């Protein structure tokens, strides 16, 4: 449980998520990642080290450069499913239980 929570915490940082998404479909050189996202080399390398340690990203040496890609299809599938979740249209039905829960939480602390 703790390892899974740590992965989601790492992906919750916007720059790390952007790095992962840029590498979703193809390996990218560190310099490419920096250029596409407008991040410094040191910041990008720091984030990549954390992502590699968590087994989200994998590094492959290409001559004098290092390319990064998603570590495996499991990680790639989770990310693609999350993207699909937010891209597809959702029909929200009227649910009194959800509205009641929302009104309870929004009224706390206002008395």
N, C-alpha and C. Protein backbone atom coordinates (compact mmCIF):
# COMPACT_ATOMS: atom_id res chain seq x y z
N UNK A 1 0.82 -1.19 0.00
CA UNK A 1 0.00 0.00 0.00
C UNK A 1 0.87 1.26 0.00
N UNK A 2 1.90 1.25 0.81
CA UNK A 2 2.77 2.41 0.93
C UNK A 2 3.48 2.70 -0.39
N UNK A 3 3.94 1.66 -1.08
CA UNK A 3 4.64 1.85 -2.36
C UNK A 3 3.71 2.47 -3.41
N UNK A 4 2.48 2.01 -3.44
CA UNK A 4 1.51 2.55 -4.41
C UNK A 4 1.22 4.01 -4.10
N UNK A 5 1.03 4.32 -2.82
CA UNK A 5 0.78 5.71 -2.42
C UNK A 5 1.97 6.60 -2.80
N UNK A 6 3.18 6.08 -2.66
CA UNK A 6 4.37 6.86 -3.01
C UNK A 6 4.41 7.16 -4.51
N UNK A 7 4.03 6.19 -5.33
CA UNK A 7 4.00 6.41 -6.78
C UNK A 7 3.01 7.51 -7.12
N UNK A 8 1.82 7.47 -6.53
CA UNK A 8 0.83 8.52 -6.80
C UNK A 8 1.30 9.87 -6.26
N UNK A 9 2.01 9.89 -5.14
CA UNK A 9 2.55 11.14 -4.60
C UNK A 9 3.57 11.72 -5.58
N UNK A 10 4.45 10.86 -6.11
CA UNK A 10 5.45 11.32 -7.08
C UNK A 10 4.78 11.89 -8.33
N UNK A 11 3.75 11.21 -8.81
CA UNK A 11 3.06 11.67 -10.02
C UNK A 11 2.18 12.88 -9.76
N UNK A 12 1.94 13.19 -8.50
CA UNK A 12 1.14 14.36 -8.15
C UNK A 12 1.89 15.67 -8.33
N UNK A 13 3.19 15.61 -8.50
CA UNK A 13 3.98 16.82 -8.73
C UNK A 13 3.89 17.13 -10.23
N UNK A 14 3.40 18.32 -10.60
CA UNK A 14 3.12 18.63 -12.01
C UNK A 14 4.28 18.42 -12.98
N UNK A 15 5.49 18.83 -12.62
CA UNK A 15 6.61 18.65 -13.55
C UNK A 15 6.94 17.18 -13.76
N UNK A 16 6.86 16.37 -12.70
CA UNK A 16 7.12 14.94 -12.87
C UNK A 16 6.06 14.30 -13.75
N UNK A 17 4.80 14.69 -13.55
CA UNK A 17 3.73 14.14 -14.39
C UNK A 17 3.94 14.55 -15.84
N UNK A 18 4.33 15.79 -16.07
CA UNK A 18 4.58 16.26 -17.43
C UNK A 18 5.72 15.46 -18.08
N UNK A 19 6.77 15.19 -17.32
CA UNK A 19 7.90 14.40 -17.83
C UNK A 19 7.42 13.01 -18.24
N UNK A 20 6.65 12.38 -17.38
CA UNK A 20 6.15 11.03 -17.66
C UNK A 20 5.27 11.04 -18.91
N UNK A 21 4.41 12.03 -19.03
CA UNK A 21 3.51 12.08 -20.18
C UNK A 21 4.26 12.33 -21.48
N UNK A 22 5.33 13.12 -21.44
CA UNK A 22 6.13 13.37 -22.64
C UNK A 22 6.79 12.07 -23.11
N UNK A 23 7.08 11.18 -22.18
CA UNK A 23 7.75 9.91 -22.51
C UNK A 23 6.78 8.74 -22.65
N UNK A 24 5.50 9.03 -22.65
CA UNK A 24 4.49 7.97 -22.65
C UNK A 24 4.58 7.07 -23.86
N UNK A 25 4.78 7.62 -25.05
CA UNK A 25 4.73 6.82 -26.27
C UNK A 25 6.09 6.55 -26.91
N UNK A 26 7.12 7.24 -26.45
CA UNK A 26 8.45 7.03 -27.04
C UNK A 26 9.54 7.45 -26.07
N UNK A 27 10.70 6.85 -26.24
CA UNK A 27 11.86 7.23 -25.43
C UNK A 27 12.29 8.64 -25.82
N UNK A 28 12.70 9.40 -24.83
CA UNK A 28 13.14 10.78 -25.07
C UNK A 28 14.49 11.01 -24.39
N UNK A 29 15.36 11.72 -25.09
CA UNK A 29 16.63 12.11 -24.50
C UNK A 29 16.38 13.18 -23.45
N UNK A 30 17.24 13.26 -22.47
CA UNK A 30 17.08 14.25 -21.40
C UNK A 30 16.98 15.65 -21.98
N UNK A 31 17.83 15.98 -22.93
CA UNK A 31 17.80 17.30 -23.56
C UNK A 31 16.47 17.60 -24.23
N UNK A 32 15.88 16.58 -24.87
CA UNK A 32 14.56 16.76 -25.49
C UNK A 32 13.50 17.07 -24.44
N UNK A 33 13.54 16.34 -23.35
CA UNK A 33 12.56 16.56 -22.27
C UNK A 33 12.68 17.98 -21.75
N UNK A 34 13.91 18.42 -21.52
CA UNK A 34 14.15 19.79 -21.04
C UNK A 34 13.57 20.82 -22.01
N UNK A 35 13.86 20.62 -23.28
CA UNK A 35 13.43 21.57 -24.31
C UNK A 35 11.90 21.61 -24.43
N UNK A 36 11.28 20.45 -24.52
CA UNK A 36 9.83 20.38 -24.70
C UNK A 36 9.10 21.01 -23.51
N UNK A 37 9.60 20.77 -22.30
CA UNK A 37 8.90 21.24 -21.10
C UNK A 37 9.42 22.57 -20.57
N UNK A 38 10.52 23.05 -21.12
CA UNK A 38 11.07 24.31 -20.64
C UNK A 38 11.64 24.22 -19.24
N UNK A 39 12.22 23.07 -18.91
CA UNK A 39 12.81 22.85 -17.58
C UNK A 39 14.32 22.84 -17.69
N UNK A 40 14.99 23.18 -16.61
CA UNK A 40 16.45 23.13 -16.60
C UNK A 40 16.92 21.67 -16.59
N UNK A 41 18.16 21.49 -17.01
CA UNK A 41 18.76 20.15 -17.02
C UNK A 41 18.82 19.57 -15.61
N UNK A 42 19.21 20.39 -14.63
CA UNK A 42 19.35 19.87 -13.26
C UNK A 42 18.00 19.49 -12.67
N UNK A 43 16.97 20.31 -12.89
CA UNK A 43 15.64 19.99 -12.36
C UNK A 43 15.09 18.73 -13.03
N UNK A 44 15.26 18.64 -14.34
CA UNK A 44 14.78 17.46 -15.07
C UNK A 44 15.50 16.20 -14.58
N UNK A 45 16.80 16.28 -14.42
CA UNK A 45 17.56 15.12 -13.94
C UNK A 45 17.13 14.70 -12.54
N UNK A 46 16.86 15.68 -11.69
CA UNK A 46 16.37 15.39 -10.33
C UNK A 46 15.05 14.62 -10.38
N UNK A 47 14.11 15.11 -11.16
CA UNK A 47 12.82 14.44 -11.27
C UNK A 47 12.97 13.05 -11.89
N UNK A 48 13.80 12.93 -12.91
CA UNK A 48 14.01 11.63 -13.55
C UNK A 48 14.62 10.62 -12.59
N UNK A 49 15.52 11.07 -11.73
CA UNK A 49 16.12 10.17 -10.74
C UNK A 49 15.04 9.63 -9.81
N UNK A 50 14.14 10.50 -9.33
CA UNK A 50 13.05 10.05 -8.46
C UNK A 50 12.12 9.08 -9.18
N UNK A 51 11.80 9.37 -10.43
CA UNK A 51 10.90 8.52 -11.20
C UNK A 51 11.55 7.17 -11.51
N UNK A 52 12.84 7.18 -11.74
CA UNK A 52 13.57 5.94 -12.00
C UNK A 52 13.63 5.08 -10.74
N UNK A 53 13.89 5.70 -9.60
CA UNK A 53 13.95 4.98 -8.32
C UNK A 53 12.62 4.32 -8.00
N UNK A 54 11.51 4.97 -8.36
CA UNK A 54 10.18 4.43 -8.10
C UNK A 54 9.73 3.44 -9.18
N UNK A 55 10.61 3.16 -10.14
CA UNK A 55 10.32 2.23 -11.24
C UNK A 55 9.18 2.70 -12.14
N UNK A 56 9.04 4.02 -12.25
CA UNK A 56 8.07 4.60 -13.18
C UNK A 56 8.74 4.81 -14.53
N UNK A 57 10.00 5.22 -14.51
CA UNK A 57 10.76 5.49 -15.73
C UNK A 57 11.98 4.56 -15.77
N UNK A 58 12.47 4.35 -17.01
CA UNK A 58 13.66 3.52 -17.23
C UNK A 58 14.63 4.30 -18.10
N UNK A 59 15.91 4.21 -17.76
CA UNK A 59 16.95 4.91 -18.52
C UNK A 59 17.68 3.92 -19.42
N UNK A 60 18.00 4.37 -20.64
CA UNK A 60 18.77 3.58 -21.58
C UNK A 60 19.85 4.48 -22.17
N UNK A 61 21.10 4.02 -22.08
CA UNK A 61 22.20 4.81 -22.62
C UNK A 61 22.22 4.67 -24.14
N UNK A 62 22.33 5.82 -24.81
CA UNK A 62 22.44 5.86 -26.27
C UNK A 62 23.69 6.66 -26.59
N UNK A 63 24.81 5.95 -26.64
CA UNK A 63 26.08 6.63 -26.83
C UNK A 63 26.42 7.43 -25.58
N UNK A 64 26.61 8.73 -25.75
CA UNK A 64 26.94 9.59 -24.61
C UNK A 64 25.69 10.16 -23.94
N UNK A 65 24.53 9.89 -24.51
CA UNK A 65 23.28 10.45 -23.97
C UNK A 65 22.45 9.35 -23.33
N UNK A 66 21.46 9.79 -22.54
CA UNK A 66 20.56 8.85 -21.87
C UNK A 66 19.14 9.17 -22.30
N UNK A 67 18.43 8.12 -22.70
CA UNK A 67 17.02 8.26 -23.08
C UNK A 67 16.16 7.65 -21.99
N UNK A 68 15.01 8.25 -21.79
CA UNK A 68 14.07 7.77 -20.77
C UNK A 68 12.76 7.37 -21.42
N UNK A 69 12.18 6.33 -20.87
CA UNK A 69 10.87 5.86 -21.30
C UNK A 69 10.12 5.32 -20.09
N UNK A 70 8.85 5.06 -20.27
CA UNK A 70 8.05 4.46 -19.20
C UNK A 70 8.64 3.09 -18.91
N UNK A 71 8.71 2.70 -17.65
CA UNK A 71 9.37 1.46 -17.24
C UNK A 71 8.73 0.22 -17.83
N UNK A 72 7.40 0.14 -17.82
CA UNK A 72 6.75 -1.05 -18.39
C UNK A 72 5.31 -0.74 -18.77
N UNK A 73 4.67 -1.72 -19.39
CA UNK A 73 3.30 -1.52 -19.88
C UNK A 73 2.29 -1.32 -18.76
N UNK A 74 2.55 -1.83 -17.57
CA UNK A 74 1.62 -1.62 -16.45
C UNK A 74 1.49 -0.14 -16.13
N UNK A 75 2.63 0.52 -16.02
CA UNK A 75 2.64 1.96 -15.73
C UNK A 75 2.00 2.72 -16.88
N UNK A 76 2.37 2.36 -18.11
CA UNK A 76 1.82 3.01 -19.29
C UNK A 76 0.30 2.86 -19.34
N UNK A 77 -0.20 1.66 -19.03
CA UNK A 77 -1.65 1.42 -19.06
C UNK A 77 -2.39 2.25 -18.01
N UNK A 78 -1.83 2.36 -16.81
CA UNK A 78 -2.46 3.17 -15.76
C UNK A 78 -2.58 4.62 -16.22
N UNK A 79 -1.50 5.14 -16.79
CA UNK A 79 -1.51 6.53 -17.25
C UNK A 79 -2.50 6.73 -18.41
N UNK A 80 -2.49 5.82 -19.35
CA UNK A 80 -3.43 5.93 -20.48
C UNK A 80 -4.87 5.83 -20.00
N UNK A 81 -5.14 4.97 -19.04
CA UNK A 81 -6.50 4.85 -18.50
C UNK A 81 -6.92 6.12 -17.77
N UNK A 82 -6.00 6.75 -17.05
CA UNK A 82 -6.32 8.01 -16.37
C UNK A 82 -6.62 9.11 -17.40
N UNK A 83 -5.84 9.16 -18.45
CA UNK A 83 -6.09 10.15 -19.51
C UNK A 83 -7.45 9.90 -20.13
N UNK A 84 -7.75 8.64 -20.44
CA UNK A 84 -9.05 8.30 -21.03
C UNK A 84 -10.19 8.67 -20.11
N UNK A 85 -9.99 8.48 -18.82
CA UNK A 85 -11.02 8.82 -17.84
C UNK A 85 -11.39 10.30 -17.91
N UNK A 86 -10.40 11.16 -18.07
CA UNK A 86 -10.67 12.59 -18.08
C UNK A 86 -11.06 13.12 -19.45
N UNK A 87 -10.72 12.40 -20.50
CA UNK A 87 -11.03 12.85 -21.86
C UNK A 87 -12.45 12.47 -22.26
N UNK A 88 -12.90 11.30 -21.85
CA UNK A 88 -14.24 10.86 -22.27
C UNK A 88 -15.32 11.66 -21.58
N UNK A 89 -16.41 11.92 -22.28
CA UNK A 89 -17.51 12.67 -21.65
C UNK A 89 -18.19 11.82 -20.57
N UNK A 90 -18.54 12.49 -19.49
CA UNK A 90 -19.22 11.81 -18.39
C UNK A 90 -20.59 12.43 -18.22
N UNK A 91 -21.57 11.57 -18.06
CA UNK A 91 -22.91 12.06 -17.75
C UNK A 91 -23.09 11.97 -16.24
N UNK A 92 -23.34 13.10 -15.65
CA UNK A 92 -23.55 13.14 -14.21
C UNK A 92 -25.05 13.11 -13.93
N UNK A 93 -25.45 12.12 -13.20
CA UNK A 93 -26.86 12.00 -12.87
C UNK A 93 -27.11 12.64 -11.52
N UNK A 94 -28.32 12.99 -11.28
CA UNK A 94 -28.72 13.59 -10.02
C UNK A 94 -28.63 12.52 -8.93
N UNK A 95 -27.79 12.74 -7.94
CA UNK A 95 -27.63 11.78 -6.85
C UNK A 95 -27.76 12.54 -5.54
N UNK A 96 -28.93 12.43 -4.86
CA UNK A 96 -29.16 13.16 -3.62
C UNK A 96 -28.12 12.85 -2.54
N UNK A 97 -27.59 11.63 -2.50
CA UNK A 97 -26.60 11.28 -1.47
C UNK A 97 -25.32 12.08 -1.67
N UNK A 98 -24.91 12.26 -2.93
CA UNK A 98 -23.70 13.04 -3.21
C UNK A 98 -23.93 14.51 -2.88
N UNK A 99 -25.08 15.03 -3.24
CA UNK A 99 -25.38 16.43 -2.94
C UNK A 99 -25.44 16.66 -1.43
N UNK A 100 -26.02 15.72 -0.69
CA UNK A 100 -26.10 15.84 0.77
C UNK A 100 -24.70 15.82 1.38
N UNK A 101 -23.85 14.93 0.91
CA UNK A 101 -22.49 14.86 1.43
C UNK A 101 -21.73 16.14 1.12
N UNK A 102 -21.96 16.71 -0.05
CA UNK A 102 -21.31 17.96 -0.42
C UNK A 102 -21.76 19.13 0.44
N UNK A 103 -23.06 19.16 0.75
CA UNK A 103 -23.57 20.28 1.55
C UNK A 103 -23.12 20.15 3.00
N UNK A 104 -22.94 18.94 3.48
CA UNK A 104 -22.44 18.73 4.84
C UNK A 104 -21.01 19.21 4.97
N UNK A 105 -20.17 18.86 4.00
CA UNK A 105 -18.76 19.22 4.09
C UNK A 105 -18.57 20.72 3.85
N UNK A 106 -19.42 21.33 3.05
CA UNK A 106 -19.24 22.77 2.79
C UNK A 106 -19.78 23.62 3.91
N UNK A 107 -20.66 23.07 4.75
CA UNK A 107 -21.21 23.86 5.85
C UNK A 107 -20.39 23.75 7.12
N UNK A 108 -19.41 22.83 7.16
CA UNK A 108 -18.57 22.68 8.35
C UNK A 108 -17.72 23.92 8.52
N UNK A 109 -17.65 24.39 9.72
CA UNK A 109 -16.82 25.54 10.02
C UNK A 109 -17.46 26.87 9.69
N UNK A 110 -18.70 26.89 9.22
CA UNK A 110 -19.34 28.15 8.87
C UNK A 110 -20.38 28.55 9.91
N UNK A 111 -20.53 27.75 10.98
CA UNK A 111 -21.55 28.11 11.98
C UNK A 111 -21.08 29.18 12.90
